[in-house]
Protein backbone atom coordinates (compact mmCIF):
# COMPACT_ATOMS: atom_id res chain seq x y z
CA MET A 1 29.22 -19.47 8.71
CA ASN A 2 25.88 -20.93 7.59
CA THR A 3 25.96 -23.73 5.03
CA ILE A 4 22.94 -25.31 3.35
CA THR A 5 22.43 -28.17 0.90
CA ILE A 6 19.60 -28.00 -1.68
CA ARG A 7 18.48 -31.22 -3.34
CA PRO A 8 17.16 -31.62 -6.91
CA ALA A 9 13.40 -31.12 -7.41
CA ALA A 10 10.94 -32.84 -9.74
CA SER A 11 8.96 -29.63 -10.27
CA VAL A 12 8.16 -26.21 -8.85
CA LYS A 13 4.46 -25.63 -8.26
CA GLY A 14 2.10 -23.50 -6.21
CA GLU A 15 1.06 -19.94 -5.48
CA ILE A 16 3.32 -17.61 -3.48
CA THR A 17 3.97 -14.02 -2.54
CA VAL A 18 7.46 -12.61 -2.13
CA PRO A 19 8.56 -9.98 0.42
CA GLY A 20 8.10 -6.28 -0.25
CA ASP A 21 10.31 -4.43 -2.70
CA LYS A 22 13.65 -3.55 -1.11
CA SER A 23 14.17 -0.34 -3.08
CA ILE A 24 10.71 1.01 -2.29
CA SER A 25 11.02 0.03 1.38
CA HIS A 26 14.28 2.01 1.70
CA ARG A 27 12.76 5.09 0.13
CA SER A 28 9.58 4.95 2.21
CA ILE A 29 11.65 5.32 5.39
CA MET A 30 13.86 8.07 3.99
CA LEU A 31 11.11 10.26 2.58
CA GLY A 32 8.75 9.54 5.47
CA ALA A 33 11.44 10.72 7.90
CA ILE A 34 11.88 14.12 6.21
CA ALA A 35 8.19 14.66 5.44
CA ASN A 36 5.70 16.56 7.57
CA GLY A 37 3.19 14.35 9.39
CA THR A 38 2.84 10.58 9.61
CA THR A 39 3.75 7.98 6.99
CA SER A 40 2.46 4.41 7.29
CA VAL A 41 4.01 1.60 5.29
CA ARG A 42 2.46 -1.82 4.70
CA GLY A 43 4.39 -4.62 3.02
CA PHE A 44 7.71 -3.24 4.29
CA LEU A 45 10.65 -5.61 3.74
CA ARG A 46 12.18 -6.49 7.10
CA GLY A 47 15.50 -7.65 5.69
CA GLY A 48 18.85 -6.60 7.06
CA ASP A 49 19.38 -3.85 4.48
CA ASN A 50 16.09 -2.10 5.17
CA MET A 51 16.49 -2.47 8.92
CA ALA A 52 19.84 -0.67 8.56
CA THR A 53 17.98 2.25 6.95
CA MET A 54 15.42 2.23 9.75
CA GLY A 55 18.19 2.24 12.37
CA ALA A 56 19.96 5.14 10.64
CA PHE A 57 16.92 7.40 10.87
CA ARG A 58 16.15 6.39 14.43
CA ALA A 59 19.72 7.49 15.19
CA MET A 60 18.79 10.90 13.79
CA GLY A 61 15.84 11.32 16.13
CA VAL A 62 13.01 9.94 13.98
CA ARG A 63 10.35 7.92 15.76
CA ILE A 64 9.60 4.74 13.81
CA ASP A 65 7.16 2.17 15.20
CA ASP A 66 6.81 -1.34 13.78
CA ASP A 67 4.13 -3.78 14.95
CA GLY A 68 5.12 -6.42 12.41
CA GLU A 69 2.32 -5.44 10.04
CA THR A 70 2.73 -1.70 9.53
CA VAL A 71 5.71 0.61 9.90
CA VAL A 72 4.70 4.07 11.13
CA ILE A 73 7.13 6.98 10.69
CA GLN A 74 6.64 10.27 12.53
CA GLY A 75 8.13 12.72 10.02
CA LYS A 76 10.44 15.47 11.24
CA GLY A 77 10.13 17.72 8.19
CA LEU A 78 12.82 18.70 5.72
CA HIS A 79 15.06 20.26 8.38
CA GLY A 80 14.08 18.28 11.49
CA LEU A 81 16.73 15.56 11.65
CA SER A 82 19.14 15.60 14.61
CA GLU A 83 22.89 15.06 14.59
CA PRO A 84 23.58 11.37 15.37
CA SER A 85 25.61 10.73 18.51
CA ASP A 86 27.51 7.83 16.93
CA VAL A 87 28.64 6.50 13.57
CA ILE A 88 25.73 5.37 11.36
CA ASP A 89 26.18 1.68 10.47
CA CYS A 90 24.65 0.86 7.07
CA GLY A 91 25.45 -2.85 7.36
CA ASN A 92 25.71 -4.46 3.91
CA SER A 93 23.39 -1.99 2.20
CA GLY A 94 24.76 0.00 -0.73
CA THR A 95 21.39 1.70 -1.13
CA THR A 96 21.42 2.88 2.49
CA ILE A 97 24.93 4.31 2.46
CA ARG A 98 24.73 6.00 -0.94
CA LEU A 99 21.26 7.50 -0.59
CA ILE A 100 21.76 8.59 3.00
CA THR A 101 25.03 10.29 2.01
CA GLY A 102 23.02 12.42 -0.40
CA LEU A 103 20.48 13.28 2.27
CA LEU A 104 23.17 14.00 4.89
CA ALA A 105 24.91 16.32 2.45
CA GLY A 106 21.98 18.69 2.96
CA GLN A 107 22.01 18.65 6.76
CA SER A 108 23.65 21.35 8.87
CA PHE A 109 25.38 18.83 11.14
CA PHE A 110 28.29 16.39 11.14
CA SER A 111 27.83 12.68 10.51
CA VAL A 112 29.85 9.57 9.71
CA VAL A 113 28.56 6.57 7.73
CA THR A 114 30.13 3.14 7.38
CA GLY A 115 29.20 -0.49 6.78
CA ASP A 116 30.39 -4.07 6.97
CA GLN A 117 33.57 -5.48 5.41
CA TYR A 118 31.89 -5.88 2.02
CA LEU A 119 30.29 -2.44 1.93
CA ARG A 120 33.57 -0.77 2.85
CA LYS A 121 35.03 -2.13 -0.42
CA ARG A 122 32.29 -0.69 -2.64
CA PRO A 123 32.92 2.50 -4.66
CA MET A 124 31.58 5.70 -3.09
CA LYS A 125 33.25 8.32 -5.29
CA ARG A 126 30.33 8.07 -7.72
CA VAL A 127 28.17 9.87 -5.12
CA VAL A 128 30.90 11.83 -3.32
CA GLU A 129 31.97 13.67 -6.46
CA PRO A 130 28.59 15.23 -7.40
CA LEU A 131 27.72 15.96 -3.76
CA THR A 132 31.06 17.75 -3.33
CA ARG A 133 30.26 19.79 -6.42
CA MET A 134 27.02 20.81 -4.70
CA GLY A 135 28.99 22.15 -1.73
CA ALA A 136 29.09 19.25 0.75
CA ARG A 137 32.36 18.45 2.49
CA ILE A 138 32.94 14.69 2.49
CA LEU A 139 36.08 12.89 3.60
CA GLY A 140 36.73 9.16 3.34
CA ARG A 141 39.31 6.48 2.78
CA ASN A 142 41.21 6.46 -0.50
CA GLN A 143 40.45 10.16 -1.18
CA GLY A 144 36.76 9.80 -0.46
CA SER A 145 36.18 6.76 -2.64
CA LEU A 146 35.63 4.26 0.20
CA ALA A 147 33.67 4.24 3.48
CA PRO A 148 33.75 5.27 6.26
CA LEU A 149 32.69 8.72 5.07
CA ALA A 150 32.62 11.83 7.25
CA ILE A 151 30.05 14.37 6.04
CA SER A 152 29.66 18.07 6.85
CA GLY A 153 26.64 19.24 4.89
CA GLY A 154 24.34 22.20 4.47
CA SER A 155 24.15 25.21 2.11
CA LEU A 156 24.04 23.19 -1.10
CA ASN A 157 24.02 24.62 -4.61
CA ALA A 158 21.91 23.17 -7.40
CA ILE A 159 23.86 21.50 -10.22
CA GLY A 160 23.30 19.78 -13.54
CA TYR A 161 25.11 16.45 -13.39
CA GLU A 162 25.96 14.07 -16.23
CA SER A 163 26.36 10.71 -14.51
CA PRO A 164 28.92 8.41 -16.15
CA VAL A 165 26.91 5.36 -14.98
CA SER A 166 23.23 4.46 -15.07
CA SER A 167 22.66 4.01 -11.34
CA ALA A 168 19.49 4.59 -9.35
CA GLN A 169 21.63 4.93 -6.23
CA VAL A 170 23.69 7.77 -7.72
CA LYS A 171 20.63 9.47 -9.16
CA SER A 172 18.66 9.14 -5.92
CA ALA A 173 21.52 10.46 -3.76
CA ILE A 174 21.67 13.60 -5.90
CA MET A 175 17.88 13.92 -5.88
CA LEU A 176 17.81 13.78 -2.07
CA ALA A 177 20.55 16.40 -1.86
CA GLY A 178 18.60 18.42 -4.41
CA LEU A 179 15.71 18.77 -1.96
CA TYR A 180 18.08 20.91 0.13
CA ALA A 181 19.74 22.84 -2.70
CA ASP A 182 19.10 26.39 -3.82
CA GLY A 183 17.42 26.00 -7.21
CA ASP A 184 16.79 23.09 -9.57
CA THR A 185 19.10 20.07 -9.52
CA SER A 186 19.25 17.84 -12.61
CA VAL A 187 20.74 14.39 -13.18
CA ARG A 188 21.20 12.86 -16.62
CA GLU A 189 22.16 9.17 -17.12
CA PRO A 190 23.51 7.20 -20.10
CA SER A 191 20.26 5.23 -19.97
CA LEU A 192 17.38 5.48 -17.54
CA SER A 193 17.85 3.55 -14.28
CA ARG A 194 14.97 2.42 -12.06
CA ASP A 195 12.59 5.26 -11.23
CA HIS A 196 11.28 4.36 -7.76
CA SER A 197 12.66 7.62 -6.37
CA GLU A 198 10.89 9.71 -8.99
CA ARG A 199 7.58 7.98 -8.31
CA MET A 200 7.89 8.28 -4.54
CA PHE A 201 9.08 11.90 -4.66
CA ARG A 202 5.88 12.73 -6.56
CA LEU A 203 3.76 10.76 -4.10
CA PHE A 204 5.19 12.80 -1.19
CA GLY A 205 4.61 16.10 -3.00
CA ALA A 206 8.07 17.00 -4.30
CA THR A 207 8.32 19.17 -7.40
CA LEU A 208 10.18 17.40 -10.18
CA GLU A 209 10.30 16.96 -13.93
CA THR A 210 11.41 13.82 -15.72
CA PHE A 211 12.91 13.66 -19.20
CA ASP A 212 14.17 10.88 -21.46
CA SER A 213 17.34 10.10 -19.50
CA GLY A 214 17.02 11.95 -16.22
CA VAL A 215 15.20 14.09 -13.71
CA THR A 216 15.13 17.64 -12.31
CA VAL A 217 14.24 18.28 -8.63
CA LYS A 218 13.24 21.66 -7.19
CA GLY A 219 14.88 22.49 -3.87
CA GLY A 220 13.14 23.66 -0.72
CA VAL A 221 9.78 21.96 -1.29
CA GLU A 222 8.28 20.46 1.89
CA LEU A 223 7.03 16.85 1.71
CA GLN A 224 3.85 15.42 3.22
CA GLY A 225 3.47 12.03 4.89
CA GLN A 226 1.68 9.28 2.94
CA ASP A 227 0.10 5.85 3.30
CA ILE A 228 2.17 3.40 1.27
CA THR A 229 1.65 -0.22 0.28
CA VAL A 230 4.88 -1.85 -0.95
CA PRO A 231 4.48 -4.42 -3.76
CA GLY A 232 6.46 -7.66 -3.90
CA ASP A 233 10.07 -7.30 -5.01
CA ILE A 234 10.63 -8.35 -8.62
CA SER A 235 14.26 -9.15 -7.80
CA SER A 236 13.05 -11.71 -5.26
CA ALA A 237 10.41 -12.99 -7.66
CA THR A 238 13.03 -13.56 -10.37
CA PHE A 239 14.64 -16.41 -8.43
CA PHE A 240 11.31 -18.24 -8.43
CA MET A 241 10.61 -17.36 -12.07
CA VAL A 242 13.91 -18.97 -13.07
CA ALA A 243 13.24 -21.96 -10.78
CA ALA A 244 9.91 -22.62 -12.50
CA LEU A 245 11.30 -22.06 -16.01
CA ILE A 246 14.23 -24.49 -15.70
CA THR A 247 12.52 -27.27 -13.67
CA PRO A 248 10.39 -29.53 -15.91
CA GLY A 249 6.67 -29.83 -15.20
CA SER A 250 6.51 -26.58 -13.25
CA GLU A 251 3.78 -23.96 -12.95
CA LEU A 252 4.05 -21.15 -10.40
CA LEU A 253 1.89 -18.10 -9.67
CA ILE A 254 3.64 -15.21 -7.89
CA ARG A 255 1.12 -12.66 -6.63
CA ASN A 256 1.36 -8.88 -6.13
CA VAL A 257 4.76 -8.28 -7.73
CA GLY A 258 5.97 -4.80 -8.68
CA VAL A 259 6.38 -4.61 -12.46
CA ASN A 260 7.80 -1.11 -12.78
CA PRO A 261 9.01 -0.86 -16.43
CA THR A 262 12.48 0.21 -15.22
CA ARG A 263 12.74 -3.10 -13.31
CA THR A 264 11.28 -5.65 -15.77
CA GLY A 265 14.46 -6.29 -17.74
CA ALA A 266 14.68 -9.80 -16.30
CA ILE A 267 11.21 -10.63 -17.64
CA ASP A 268 12.18 -9.30 -21.08
CA ILE A 269 15.42 -11.33 -21.08
CA LEU A 270 13.77 -14.55 -19.90
CA ARG A 271 11.01 -14.15 -22.49
CA ALA A 272 13.66 -13.57 -25.18
CA MET A 273 15.15 -16.92 -24.10
CA GLY A 274 11.76 -18.57 -24.69
CA GLY A 275 10.37 -18.39 -21.18
CA ASP A 276 6.60 -18.72 -20.70
CA ILE A 277 5.87 -15.76 -18.41
CA GLN A 278 2.48 -14.02 -18.22
CA LEU A 279 1.49 -10.85 -16.34
CA LEU A 280 -2.04 -11.12 -14.95
CA ASP A 281 -4.36 -8.56 -13.32
CA GLN A 282 -2.11 -5.57 -13.96
CA ARG A 283 -2.90 -2.63 -11.70
CA GLU A 284 -1.34 0.27 -9.75
CA LEU A 285 -0.49 0.45 -6.05
CA SER A 286 0.95 3.55 -4.31
CA GLY A 287 2.12 4.90 -7.65
CA GLU A 288 3.78 1.63 -8.73
CA PRO A 289 2.54 -0.87 -11.37
CA VAL A 290 1.78 -4.33 -9.94
CA ALA A 291 0.77 -7.70 -11.44
CA ASP A 292 0.48 -11.40 -10.69
CA ILE A 293 3.16 -13.37 -12.58
CA LEU A 294 2.37 -16.84 -13.97
CA VAL A 295 5.41 -18.92 -14.98
CA ARG A 296 5.52 -22.32 -16.67
CA SER A 297 8.56 -24.51 -17.35
CA SER A 298 10.06 -23.79 -20.75
CA ARG A 299 12.81 -24.95 -23.07
CA LEU A 300 15.14 -21.97 -22.92
CA LYS A 301 17.57 -20.88 -25.64
CA GLY A 302 20.66 -18.73 -25.27
CA CYS A 303 20.53 -15.09 -26.32
CA ALA A 304 22.62 -11.91 -26.49
CA ILE A 305 22.13 -9.49 -23.57
CA ALA A 306 23.41 -5.91 -23.84
CA GLY A 307 22.29 -2.30 -24.10
CA SER A 308 19.42 -0.57 -22.30
CA VAL A 309 18.01 -3.82 -20.86
CA VAL A 310 21.11 -4.24 -18.65
CA PRO A 311 20.37 -1.51 -16.04
CA ARG A 312 16.74 -2.69 -16.01
CA ALA A 313 17.92 -6.15 -14.88
CA ILE A 314 21.15 -5.36 -13.08
CA ASP A 315 20.20 -7.01 -9.75
CA GLU A 316 18.74 -10.07 -11.44
CA PHE A 317 21.81 -11.18 -13.41
CA PRO A 318 22.91 -13.93 -10.99
CA ALA A 319 19.54 -15.63 -11.52
CA ILE A 320 19.66 -14.93 -15.27
CA CYS A 321 23.08 -16.62 -15.37
CA VAL A 322 21.50 -19.77 -13.94
CA ALA A 323 18.81 -19.65 -16.64
CA ALA A 324 21.56 -19.26 -19.26
CA ALA A 325 23.46 -22.24 -17.83
CA CYS A 326 20.34 -24.38 -18.37
CA ALA A 327 19.52 -22.97 -21.82
CA GLU A 328 20.32 -24.52 -25.18
CA GLY A 329 23.22 -22.77 -26.88
CA VAL A 330 25.24 -19.72 -25.92
CA THR A 331 24.27 -16.64 -23.90
CA THR A 332 26.46 -13.55 -24.04
CA VAL A 333 26.31 -10.73 -21.48
CA ARG A 334 27.96 -7.43 -22.36
CA GLU A 335 27.89 -3.79 -21.15
CA ALA A 336 27.35 -5.05 -17.60
CA ARG A 337 30.56 -3.97 -15.90
CA GLU A 338 28.45 -2.59 -13.03
CA LEU A 339 28.12 -6.21 -11.88
CA ARG A 340 31.75 -6.10 -10.77
CA VAL A 341 31.04 -3.50 -8.05
CA LYS A 342 27.98 -5.01 -6.40
CA GLU A 343 28.07 -6.80 -3.02
CA THR A 344 30.81 -8.82 -4.67
CA ASP A 345 32.17 -9.06 -8.20
CA ARG A 346 29.14 -10.89 -9.54
CA ILE A 347 30.70 -11.66 -12.92
CA SER A 348 33.64 -13.43 -11.30
CA ALA A 349 31.51 -15.05 -8.58
CA MET A 350 28.96 -16.53 -10.97
CA ALA A 351 31.61 -17.63 -13.46
CA THR A 352 33.55 -19.41 -10.70
CA ASN A 353 30.49 -21.18 -9.31
CA LEU A 354 29.02 -22.17 -12.68
CA ARG A 355 32.34 -23.72 -13.71
CA THR A 356 32.23 -25.76 -10.49
CA LEU A 357 28.82 -27.02 -11.65
CA GLY A 358 30.19 -28.08 -15.04
CA VAL A 359 29.17 -25.04 -17.10
CA PRO A 360 31.71 -23.59 -19.60
CA VAL A 361 31.97 -19.85 -18.86
CA GLU A 362 34.32 -17.21 -20.23
CA GLU A 363 34.67 -13.84 -18.49
CA CYS A 364 35.34 -10.51 -20.12
CA ASP A 365 35.69 -7.07 -18.56
CA ASP A 366 32.02 -6.13 -18.93
CA GLY A 367 30.29 -9.51 -18.96
CA MET A 368 30.58 -13.19 -19.77
CA THR A 369 29.77 -15.93 -22.23
CA ILE A 370 27.84 -18.93 -20.88
CA ASN A 371 27.49 -22.22 -22.76
CA GLY A 372 24.36 -24.02 -21.62
CA VAL A 373 24.53 -27.66 -20.54
CA GLU A 374 22.03 -30.51 -20.43
CA ARG A 375 22.20 -30.75 -16.65
CA LEU A 376 24.21 -29.07 -13.92
CA SER A 377 26.50 -31.24 -11.83
CA GLY A 378 26.36 -31.08 -8.06
CA GLY A 379 29.07 -29.76 -5.81
CA SER A 380 30.08 -27.26 -3.18
CA VAL A 381 29.90 -23.57 -4.04
CA GLU A 382 30.51 -20.22 -2.33
CA SER A 383 28.18 -17.23 -1.97
CA PHE A 384 31.07 -14.79 -1.44
CA GLY A 385 28.84 -13.09 1.14
CA ASP A 386 26.38 -12.01 -1.58
CA HIS A 387 22.70 -12.73 -1.01
CA ARG A 388 21.83 -12.86 -4.71
CA ILE A 389 24.66 -15.27 -5.50
CA ALA A 390 23.49 -17.57 -2.69
CA MET A 391 19.85 -17.59 -3.83
CA SER A 392 20.78 -18.12 -7.49
CA LEU A 393 22.85 -21.17 -6.60
CA ALA A 394 19.96 -22.56 -4.56
CA VAL A 395 17.78 -22.30 -7.67
CA ALA A 396 20.50 -24.03 -9.73
CA ALA A 397 20.48 -26.91 -7.24
CA LEU A 398 16.90 -27.79 -8.21
CA VAL A 399 18.14 -29.06 -11.61
CA SER A 400 21.53 -30.43 -10.52
CA THR A 401 22.45 -34.10 -10.60
CA ASP A 402 23.36 -34.50 -6.93
CA GLY A 403 22.33 -31.31 -5.16
CA ILE A 404 24.45 -28.30 -4.27
CA THR A 405 25.99 -27.25 -0.94
CA ILE A 406 26.22 -23.48 -0.56
CA ALA A 407 28.59 -21.89 1.94
CA ASP A 408 27.89 -18.60 3.74
CA THR A 409 24.13 -18.33 3.28
CA GLY A 410 23.48 -16.00 6.22
CA CYS A 411 23.73 -13.08 3.78
CA VAL A 412 20.33 -14.03 2.33
CA ALA A 413 18.69 -12.36 5.33
CA THR A 414 19.71 -8.95 3.98
CA SER A 415 16.95 -9.08 1.35
CA PHE A 416 14.85 -12.28 1.63
CA PRO A 417 14.81 -13.82 5.13
CA THR A 418 12.13 -16.39 4.19
CA PHE A 419 13.74 -17.51 0.92
CA PHE A 420 14.82 -21.03 1.85
CA PRO A 421 11.52 -22.08 3.52
CA LEU A 422 9.59 -20.68 0.55
CA LEU A 423 11.80 -22.52 -1.97
CA GLU A 424 11.28 -25.74 -0.03
CA LYS A 425 7.51 -25.16 -0.02
CA VAL A 426 7.20 -24.97 -3.82
CA SER A 427 9.87 -27.57 -4.72
CA ARG A 428 8.39 -31.01 -5.32
CA GLY A 429 10.75 -33.91 -4.77
């Protein structure tokens, strides 16, 4: 088990880029594999989660070459995948297992998907239920609610599905299955989740319509390979935004970050807390909005977080919790129960760790209340095997009294393998 100690910093300064967007990297492999022709991807995130997706499609007969700069996918067409000879291991990646289950539901072969000890605890019924309604046969532990899942797909029917949760993974799984369905498949959400799938479906030539809270996909439309440039991941950038905001005397420029409006909830929340964050040189890249983000240290104030901003910032809440711990006053988080079914229960994990660092925190079923403190104490904390918990605690260490020792940091490689060297580079002692 990897353990690392991060010391306090005097400031955070410099100019950086963060690795490519994890969500877009996943989807580039998936759609490239079932498109006709060649897809090339620059800026691909080579973290453990995305490599699990790459391995899954190689197991289904897709040639994928990677020279370290560009990933090249030789598409097999909508019906060209081959039955895997072994169980598909999705590692720690919820995106891989949920989206690939949707795609496998449309294949005329048998497959089994599983993951590591953490992934096998995550809820799968949210995708199994609608896919079963479309005609797929899916068996799994606990009546199909937990992996491993055994999938016998093919001959899907189009459905209209009212999702009980706002989840890009659920929506995308149904969209992928919808490519193989007879007719038009629609998904409606309580509030709109991130729309990377919709943007990339369009880029590859799928026929779809979007509406206020959902999307409709036409089945049977062949996709065409594309050249894709992946922007920097705003989830990864958020750790450095918070680091610069809470560390006095800081100024940090983060270049080429994806600023898709369905993903900028963290920016909106941090600005509402008084954070000095500017978007510079806004532009578009492979169908996605991109900008350079300039962040200066700020005196943050607590705020109330709830409603439609929550799904737009769902992956960034561990970092937002650190900002709240350093803010003046009280921050309340509500309507965020989804945090309890991530790589770990992130509400419980962050509450436990922040209390260790001297921050008063109260949990509730769908969120927490955080009372900001003048300065975090040092101490030993636990990542619970969750990459975002580990990175958030590393950011907290920059403004601690004595530094923070974080246990089980190997999980960071799933999304941001270069995080610790990059944090050291911009942290001034």
